Amino acid sequence: MKSQHLRNIKKFSFPHRMVELWNGLSDEIVTA
């Protein structure tokens, strides 16, 4: 049960990082 909880936390923190990554990428793509 504990490992499942940890996996959920990782699942939630991952999209947040991807959003920041995509924001930086979209900026480069728009100016390209």
Protein backbone atom coordinates (compact mmCIF):
# COMPACT_ATOMS: atom_id res chain seq x y z
CA MET A 1 0.00 0.00 0.00
CA LYS A 2 2.85 2.38 0.80
CA SER A 3 4.56 1.81 -2.54
CA GLN A 4 1.28 2.55 -4.32
CA HIS A 5 1.03 5.88 -2.48
CA LEU A 6 4.59 6.78 -3.47
CA ARG A 7 3.82 5.94 -7.08
CA ASN A 8 0.81 8.27 -7.00
CA ILE A 9 2.98 11.11 -5.71
CA LYS A 10 5.44 10.54 -8.54
CA LYS A 11 2.57 10.45 -11.02
CA PHE A 12 1.35 13.84 -9.83
CA SER A 13 4.76 15.51 -9.68
CA PHE A 14 5.73 14.25 -13.14
CA PRO A 15 3.11 16.19 -15.18
CA HIS A 16 4.06 19.38 -13.35
CA ARG A 17 7.65 19.01 -14.50
CA MET A 18 6.52 18.18 -18.03
CA VAL A 19 4.38 21.33 -18.12
CA GLU A 20 7.40 23.44 -17.20
CA LEU A 21 9.44 21.64 -19.85
CA TRP A 22 6.75 22.14 -22.51
CA ASN A 23 6.40 25.82 -21.61
CA GLY A 24 10.11 26.31 -22.28
CA LEU A 25 9.93 24.25 -25.47
CA SER A 26 6.87 26.07 -26.83
CA ASP A 27 8.68 29.38 -26.31
CA GLU A 28 11.56 28.17 -28.47
CA ILE A 29 9.21 26.72 -31.09
CA VAL A 30 7.18 29.94 -31.32
CA THR A 31 10.29 32.06 -31.88
CA ALA A 32 11.81 29.54 -34.30
